[in-house]
Every structure is written in structure tokens, then in C-alpha cells.
């Protein structure tokens, strides 16, 4: 029972940090814009939904590795990630370029490294 509660709490904390980024920070939504921000070196953190196609996921992870950017695998599907961003549509990938008032950059990469 306790592990279930812990995962729910971490999901809530991720969602609240994400909501703060949406209000006070700069971000880009979508696969192509995420790749563009990674290529330009502007991305600080990339968040990927868990139902992202494997080829797309590995390509984003590869670009992030080259750009030395953290990647966080979101524990929900693209609909839940879109809802967490406060959008009414699906979001498969999201790149945070400026976290604003949120501490999401410091908390995410150390919490979960991508399993390669």
C-alpha cells in the first residue's frame, strides 16, 4: 500500500511543478519543437510521455544525450501529460527552456535517469 501512495505523491509533485513552469517559465510542446530546442541547445529538461513510440523516444533521448540535457519519462500517457500542462490536447513531448519559479530542473534528472 505504501509504494502506491508514494508514486501518487510523486506524480502530484511533478504535476504541480509542471503547472508552475507553465505559468512562470518558457517551454515548447511537441516532438518537432523539442528536437529543435535540443539542437539549438536551449532545452534544460525534456519530458516524454510513456506511450511515445519507441523510435521517437530513442531519437529524443539521443539528441538529449548529445546536448547533455536531462530526460524525464512521465508516468502517464500523452493525454495525462497534456492535462498536467493545462492543455486540452495530447502532449507527447515537452521541452522546458526556462523553468521560471519552479525547481523542476534540479529535482527531475537526479530523481530519474533514463534507462538506456
Protein backbone atom coordinates (compact mmCIF):
# COMPACT_ATOMS: atom_id res chain seq x y z
CA UNK A 1 0.00 0.00 0.00
CA UNK A 2 2.79 2.44 0.88
CA UNK A 3 4.59 2.26 -2.51
CA UNK A 4 1.31 3.12 -4.31
CA UNK A 5 0.88 6.18 -2.10
CA UNK A 6 4.45 7.30 -2.74
CA UNK A 7 4.07 7.10 -6.53
CA UNK A 8 0.84 9.09 -6.37
CA UNK A 9 2.56 11.76 -4.29
CA UNK A 10 5.50 11.99 -6.71
CA UNK A 11 3.11 12.26 -9.66
CA UNK A 12 1.28 15.08 -7.89
CA UNK A 13 4.55 16.88 -7.16
CA UNK A 14 5.63 16.52 -10.80
CA UNK A 15 2.28 17.87 -11.95
CA UNK A 16 2.43 20.84 -9.57
CA UNK A 17 5.99 21.68 -10.68
CA UNK A 18 4.88 21.35 -14.30
CA UNK A 19 1.95 23.70 -13.66
CA UNK A 20 4.37 26.26 -12.18
CA UNK A 21 6.58 26.00 -15.27
CA UNK A 22 3.52 26.58 -17.48
CA UNK A 23 2.71 29.76 -15.54
CA UNK A 24 6.13 31.29 -14.96
CA UNK A 25 8.58 29.61 -17.33
CA UNK A 26 9.24 29.03 -21.01
CA UNK A 27 8.58 25.71 -22.73
CA UNK A 28 7.81 24.16 -26.10
CA UNK A 29 5.31 21.39 -26.70
CA UNK A 30 5.60 18.75 -29.37
CA UNK A 31 8.11 16.45 -30.96
CA UNK A 32 9.49 18.72 -33.70
CA UNK A 33 9.84 21.79 -31.48
CA UNK A 34 11.50 19.67 -28.79
CA UNK A 35 14.07 18.38 -31.29
CA UNK A 36 14.62 21.95 -32.50
CA UNK A 37 15.25 23.23 -28.96
CA UNK A 38 17.62 20.31 -28.29
CA UNK A 39 19.58 21.02 -31.49
CA UNK A 40 19.86 24.71 -30.57
CA UNK A 41 20.98 23.82 -27.05
CA UNK A 42 18.12 25.75 -25.41
CA UNK A 43 16.42 22.79 -23.70
CA UNK A 44 17.10 22.32 -20.00
CA UNK A 45 14.81 19.32 -19.44
CA UNK A 46 12.78 17.08 -21.75
CA UNK A 47 9.67 15.26 -20.55
CA UNK A 48 8.40 12.29 -22.56
CA UNK A 49 5.01 10.57 -22.12
CA UNK A 50 5.08 6.81 -21.54
CA UNK A 51 3.15 5.95 -24.73
CA UNK A 52 5.58 7.71 -27.06
CA UNK A 53 6.58 5.44 -29.97
CA UNK A 54 9.93 3.72 -29.24
CA UNK A 55 11.76 5.11 -32.27
CA UNK A 56 10.69 8.67 -31.43
CA UNK A 57 11.59 8.18 -27.77
CA UNK A 58 15.07 6.86 -28.59
CA UNK A 59 15.67 9.72 -31.03
CA UNK A 60 14.79 12.31 -28.39
CA UNK A 61 16.98 10.54 -25.82
CA UNK A 62 19.87 10.50 -28.29
CA UNK A 63 19.57 14.24 -29.02
CA UNK A 64 19.29 14.92 -25.27
CA UNK A 65 22.41 12.87 -24.60
CA UNK A 66 24.33 14.88 -27.19
CA UNK A 67 23.02 18.15 -25.74
CA UNK A 68 23.73 16.95 -22.15
CA UNK A 69 20.10 17.59 -21.24
CA UNK A 70 18.07 15.68 -18.66
CA UNK A 71 15.22 13.43 -19.80
CA UNK A 72 12.27 12.57 -17.59
CA UNK A 73 9.91 9.74 -18.51
CA UNK A 74 6.47 10.88 -17.41
CA UNK A 75 4.45 8.15 -15.67
CA UNK A 76 1.27 8.90 -17.64
CA UNK A 77 0.23 8.75 -21.27
CA UNK A 78 0.20 11.72 -23.64
CA UNK A 79 -3.36 12.69 -22.67
CA UNK A 80 -2.39 12.87 -18.98
CA UNK A 81 0.75 14.87 -19.81
CA UNK A 82 -1.36 17.34 -21.80
CA UNK A 83 -3.77 17.66 -18.88
CA UNK A 84 -0.85 18.21 -16.48
CA UNK A 85 0.31 21.03 -18.75
CA UNK A 86 -3.15 22.58 -18.55
CA UNK A 87 -3.89 21.89 -22.21
CA UNK A 88 -6.98 20.29 -23.71
CA UNK A 89 -4.97 18.21 -26.16
CA UNK A 90 -2.39 15.42 -26.08
CA UNK A 91 1.27 16.25 -25.48
CA UNK A 92 3.80 13.52 -26.24
CA UNK A 93 6.97 15.50 -25.62
CA UNK A 94 7.69 18.73 -23.85
CA UNK A 95 10.91 20.70 -23.59
CA UNK A 96 11.49 23.18 -20.77
CA UNK A 97 13.77 26.01 -21.86
CA UNK A 98 13.32 28.24 -18.79
CA UNK A 99 11.91 26.78 -15.55
CA UNK A 100 10.79 30.12 -14.15
CA UNK A 101 9.95 29.86 -10.42
CA UNK A 102 9.88 26.05 -10.46
CA UNK A 103 12.65 23.77 -9.17
CA UNK A 104 11.78 21.09 -11.74
CA UNK A 105 15.25 21.06 -13.36
CA UNK A 106 17.03 20.37 -10.06
CA UNK A 107 14.57 17.72 -8.93
CA UNK A 108 13.92 15.66 -12.09
CA UNK A 109 17.24 14.44 -13.59
CA UNK A 110 18.60 13.36 -10.22
CA UNK A 111 15.35 11.59 -9.38
CA UNK A 112 15.21 9.51 -12.55
CA UNK A 113 17.95 8.88 -15.09
CA UNK A 114 16.85 7.49 -18.46
CA UNK A 115 17.25 3.73 -18.67
CA UNK A 116 19.23 3.18 -21.85
